[in-house]
Amino acid sequence: MGTIISILIGCVSIGIILSAPMGPIGILCIQRTLNKGRNSGFFTGVGAAASDLFYCLLVGLGISLVTDFIAAHVNELQITGSVILIVYALYMIFHNPVSQIKENIDQRDDYVRDTATGFLFTLSNPLIMFLIIPLFARFGFPLPEYKFYHIILGYAFIVLGALIWWAVITFFVDKVRTHFNIRSMWLINRIIGIIIIILSCYGLVTGVIAYLHQLAII
C-alpha cells in the first residue's frame, strides 16, 4: 500500500509539473476556454496530456533510438517547432473571433478536434523528454523493483495529474470569461499571439545560432 501511495504522489506530481509551465499549449488552452468555453479548453488539455503520456512511455521504456535522434537533431527540431508556432500565432492574431463563434454555433462543439489539436500541438515539442527524464529520476519512477501493475498505475497517475491541472485552469478561466466581450476576446487573441511569436522567435534565433555553431559556420 505504501508503494502505491508513493507512486500516486510522485506520478501525479510529474503530471502536474509537465503541464504547469505556461507555454504555447497552456496559452492555447486558455484562449479556447475564453473563446469557446471550458469544455473546449479542457479537451485541448486532454490532448496535451495524451502527448505527455506518449513521451513518458518513450522515456520509461528506454527507447534510445528516439532519444538519440532527438539529441542529435535538437536544434533542427527547435527551429521547426518555432516556425510552426509562429504560423499559428499569426493565425490567432488575424483570425476574427466573431467568425469563430459563428462557426461554433453552426458546427457545435468538436471535442475530438480540440483533443487532436492539443495532442499534435504538444507532440511538436519532443524536447519535453529532457524534462521528463529528470522528473522520473527525481520521483523515482519507474524503479526496477516495481511490478507491472505498479508501472501501469504510475502512468495512469501521470495522466491524472495532468488532467487535474487542466481542470483547475479551465475552471478558473471559465469563471471570468463572461466578463469578456467580442472586442476583448479579439484583443486577448492578439496579445496571446504576440506572446507566442516572441517566445517562438527567441526559440528560433537560439536554435539557428546553435545550429550554425554546430556546423562551425560562426
Protein backbone atom coordinates (compact mmCIF):
# COMPACT_ATOMS: atom_id res chain seq x y z
CA MET A 1 0.00 0.00 0.00
CA GLY A 2 2.87 2.33 0.82
CA THR A 3 4.35 1.77 -2.62
CA ILE A 4 1.08 2.67 -4.35
CA ILE A 5 0.75 5.86 -2.27
CA SER A 6 4.34 6.79 -3.15
CA ILE A 7 3.63 6.20 -6.85
CA LEU A 8 0.40 8.18 -6.58
CA ILE A 9 2.07 11.23 -5.06
CA GLY A 10 5.13 11.10 -7.30
CA CYS A 11 3.37 10.45 -10.60
CA VAL A 12 0.54 12.93 -10.02
CA SER A 13 3.28 15.48 -9.27
CA ILE A 14 5.02 14.57 -12.55
CA GLY A 15 1.78 15.08 -14.47
CA ILE A 16 1.16 18.48 -12.90
CA ILE A 17 4.74 19.70 -13.36
CA LEU A 18 4.75 18.65 -17.03
CA SER A 19 1.53 20.59 -17.64
CA ALA A 20 2.07 23.60 -15.38
CA PRO A 21 4.59 25.69 -17.37
CA MET A 22 2.52 28.29 -19.24
CA GLY A 23 3.94 27.50 -22.66
CA PRO A 24 2.13 27.62 -26.01
CA ILE A 25 -0.23 24.74 -25.18
CA GLY A 26 -1.27 26.42 -21.92
CA ILE A 27 -1.92 29.66 -23.76
CA LEU A 28 -3.91 27.79 -26.40
CA CYS A 29 -5.97 26.12 -23.68
CA ILE A 30 -6.78 29.48 -22.07
CA GLN A 31 -7.61 31.04 -25.44
CA ARG A 32 -10.05 28.27 -26.30
CA THR A 33 -11.65 28.43 -22.87
CA LEU A 34 -12.24 32.15 -23.29
CA ASN A 35 -13.50 31.86 -26.86
CA LYS A 36 -15.40 28.57 -26.83
CA GLY A 37 -15.96 27.58 -23.22
CA ARG A 38 -14.47 25.39 -20.53
CA ASN A 39 -15.03 22.05 -22.28
CA SER A 40 -13.11 23.12 -25.36
CA GLY A 41 -10.16 24.24 -23.26
CA PHE A 42 -10.27 21.12 -21.11
CA PHE A 43 -10.31 18.74 -24.07
CA THR A 44 -7.36 20.63 -25.53
CA GLY A 45 -5.61 19.82 -22.26
CA VAL A 46 -6.69 16.18 -22.58
CA GLY A 47 -4.87 16.05 -25.93
CA ALA A 48 -1.80 17.59 -24.34
CA ALA A 49 -1.94 15.02 -21.52
CA ALA A 50 -2.09 12.21 -24.08
CA SER A 51 1.01 13.60 -25.79
CA ASP A 52 2.81 13.88 -22.44
CA LEU A 53 1.91 10.25 -21.75
CA PHE A 54 3.34 9.23 -25.13
CA TYR A 55 6.68 10.86 -24.35
CA CYS A 56 6.65 9.46 -20.80
CA LEU A 57 6.22 5.98 -22.26
CA LEU A 58 9.15 6.54 -24.62
CA VAL A 59 11.35 7.60 -21.72
CA GLY A 60 10.09 4.87 -19.40
CA LEU A 61 10.55 2.15 -21.98
CA GLY A 62 14.04 3.41 -22.72
CA ILE A 63 13.65 3.77 -26.45
CA SER A 64 17.18 5.00 -27.07
CA LEU A 65 16.64 5.29 -30.82
CA VAL A 66 14.15 8.09 -30.31
CA THR A 67 16.07 9.89 -27.60
CA ASP A 68 19.30 9.63 -29.62
CA PHE A 69 17.54 11.09 -32.67
CA ILE A 70 16.18 13.99 -30.64
CA ALA A 71 19.56 14.64 -29.04
CA ALA A 72 21.22 14.59 -32.47
CA HIS A 73 18.67 16.92 -34.08
CA VAL A 74 17.67 19.11 -31.14
CA ASN A 75 18.46 22.36 -32.95
CA GLU A 76 16.57 21.42 -36.11
CA LEU A 77 13.56 20.35 -34.04
CA GLN A 78 13.63 23.61 -32.11
CA ILE A 79 13.73 25.62 -35.35
CA THR A 80 10.88 23.63 -36.92
CA GLY A 81 8.73 23.83 -33.82
CA SER A 82 9.31 27.58 -33.53
CA VAL A 83 8.25 28.17 -37.15
CA ILE A 84 5.06 26.14 -36.64
CA LEU A 85 4.19 28.17 -33.54
CA ILE A 86 4.81 31.47 -35.34
CA VAL A 87 2.45 30.46 -38.15
CA TYR A 88 -0.22 29.51 -35.62
CA ALA A 89 0.27 32.76 -33.69
CA LEU A 90 -0.22 34.79 -36.87
CA TYR A 91 -3.46 32.90 -37.45
CA MET A 92 -4.62 33.81 -33.94
CA ILE A 93 -3.77 37.49 -34.45
CA PHE A 94 -5.58 37.91 -37.75
CA HIS A 95 -8.47 35.47 -37.22
CA ASN A 96 -11.69 37.24 -36.27
CA PRO A 97 -13.23 35.63 -33.15
CA VAL A 98 -16.69 36.68 -34.38
CA SER A 99 -16.42 34.25 -37.29
CA GLN A 100 -15.05 31.62 -34.92
CA ILE A 101 -18.08 31.96 -32.66
CA LYS A 102 -20.40 31.73 -35.69
CA GLU A 103 -18.59 28.56 -36.74
CA ASN A 104 -19.02 27.16 -33.23
CA ILE A 105 -22.76 27.89 -33.33
CA ASP A 106 -23.11 26.15 -36.69
CA GLN A 107 -20.80 23.22 -36.00
CA ARG A 108 -21.38 22.95 -32.26
CA ASP A 109 -18.56 21.75 -30.09
CA ASP A 110 -15.96 19.50 -31.67
CA TYR A 111 -14.13 17.99 -28.74
CA VAL A 112 -12.42 15.40 -30.93
CA ARG A 113 -10.80 18.21 -32.92
CA ASP A 114 -9.87 20.07 -29.73
CA THR A 115 -8.26 16.92 -28.32
CA ALA A 116 -6.46 16.11 -31.57
CA THR A 117 -5.02 19.60 -31.99
CA GLY A 118 -3.95 19.68 -28.34
CA PHE A 119 -2.19 16.35 -28.85
CA LEU A 120 -0.44 17.40 -32.07
CA PHE A 121 0.46 20.82 -30.68
CA THR A 122 2.22 19.23 -27.71
CA LEU A 123 3.68 16.41 -29.81
CA SER A 124 5.50 19.01 -31.91
CA ASN A 125 7.77 19.68 -28.91
CA PRO A 126 9.76 16.47 -28.30
CA LEU A 127 12.22 18.44 -26.18
CA ILE A 128 9.83 17.80 -23.29
CA MET A 129 11.55 14.42 -22.99
CA PHE A 130 14.52 16.21 -21.47
CA LEU A 131 12.20 17.44 -18.71
CA ILE A 132 10.64 14.02 -18.22
CA ILE A 133 13.98 12.30 -17.66
CA PRO A 134 14.99 14.36 -14.57
CA LEU A 135 11.41 14.23 -13.26
CA PHE A 136 11.45 10.43 -13.43
CA ALA A 137 14.80 10.47 -11.65
CA ARG A 138 13.56 12.92 -9.01
CA PHE A 139 10.41 10.97 -8.14
CA GLY A 140 11.95 7.53 -8.61
CA PHE A 141 9.68 6.25 -11.36
CA PRO A 142 9.80 3.60 -12.61
CA LEU A 143 12.01 1.65 -10.23
CA PRO A 144 13.38 -1.81 -11.15
CA GLU A 145 11.54 -3.44 -8.24
CA TYR A 146 8.15 -2.16 -9.41
CA LYS A 147 5.71 -4.77 -10.58
CA PHE A 148 3.85 -4.46 -13.87
CA TYR A 149 0.68 -3.09 -12.26
CA HIS A 150 2.73 -0.51 -10.34
CA ILE A 151 4.03 0.85 -13.64
CA ILE A 152 0.56 0.88 -15.21
CA LEU A 153 -0.79 2.75 -12.18
CA GLY A 154 2.11 5.18 -12.36
CA TYR A 155 1.39 6.18 -15.94
CA ALA A 156 -2.32 6.45 -15.13
CA PHE A 157 -1.49 8.78 -12.22
CA ILE A 158 0.68 10.93 -14.52
CA VAL A 159 -2.33 11.42 -16.77
CA LEU A 160 -4.49 12.10 -13.70
CA GLY A 161 -2.10 14.81 -12.54
CA ALA A 162 -2.19 16.48 -15.96
CA LEU A 163 -5.99 16.34 -16.10
CA ILE A 164 -6.25 17.82 -12.60
CA TRP A 165 -4.13 20.74 -13.74
CA TRP A 166 -6.17 21.39 -16.90
CA ALA A 167 -9.44 21.02 -14.99
CA VAL A 168 -8.35 23.63 -12.44
CA ILE A 169 -7.01 26.07 -15.05
CA THR A 170 -10.09 25.88 -17.28
CA PHE A 171 -12.39 26.18 -14.25
CA PHE A 172 -10.90 29.49 -13.14
CA VAL A 173 -10.55 30.89 -16.66
CA ASP A 174 -14.17 29.96 -17.40
CA LYS A 175 -15.31 31.90 -14.32
CA VAL A 176 -14.01 35.15 -15.80
CA ARG A 177 -14.89 34.60 -19.46
CA THR A 178 -18.35 36.14 -19.01
CA HIS A 179 -16.63 39.47 -18.37
CA PHE A 180 -15.17 39.49 -21.89
CA ASN A 181 -16.99 40.70 -24.99
CA ILE A 182 -16.03 40.08 -28.64
CA ARG A 183 -13.65 43.04 -28.72
CA SER A 184 -11.94 41.81 -25.55
CA MET A 185 -11.58 38.29 -26.98
CA TRP A 186 -10.02 39.64 -30.16
CA LEU A 187 -7.61 41.75 -28.09
CA ILE A 188 -6.72 38.72 -25.97
CA ASN A 189 -6.16 36.65 -29.11
CA ARG A 190 -3.76 39.27 -30.42
CA ILE A 191 -1.92 39.60 -27.11
CA ILE A 192 -1.59 35.83 -26.78
CA GLY A 193 -0.49 35.57 -30.41
CA ILE A 194 2.19 38.22 -29.87
CA ILE A 195 3.43 36.41 -26.74
CA ILE A 196 3.70 33.15 -28.67
CA ILE A 197 5.55 34.92 -31.50
CA ILE A 198 8.03 36.46 -29.07
CA LEU A 199 8.69 33.13 -27.37
CA SER A 200 8.90 31.34 -30.72
CA CYS A 201 11.23 33.94 -32.24
CA TYR A 202 13.52 33.54 -29.25
CA GLY A 203 13.48 29.77 -29.75
CA LEU A 204 14.03 30.22 -33.49
CA VAL A 205 17.00 32.56 -33.05
CA THR A 206 18.68 30.43 -30.38
CA GLY A 207 18.04 27.31 -32.46
CA VAL A 208 19.57 28.87 -35.58
CA ILE A 209 22.60 30.16 -33.67
CA ALA A 210 23.15 26.75 -32.06
CA TYR A 211 22.74 25.06 -35.46
CA LEU A 212 25.30 27.40 -37.06
CA HIS A 213 27.70 26.72 -34.21
CA GLN A 214 27.13 23.04 -34.78
CA LEU A 215 28.09 23.47 -38.43
CA ALA A 216 31.11 25.55 -37.33
CA ILE A 217 29.96 28.42 -39.55
CA ILE A 218 30.31 31.02 -36.83
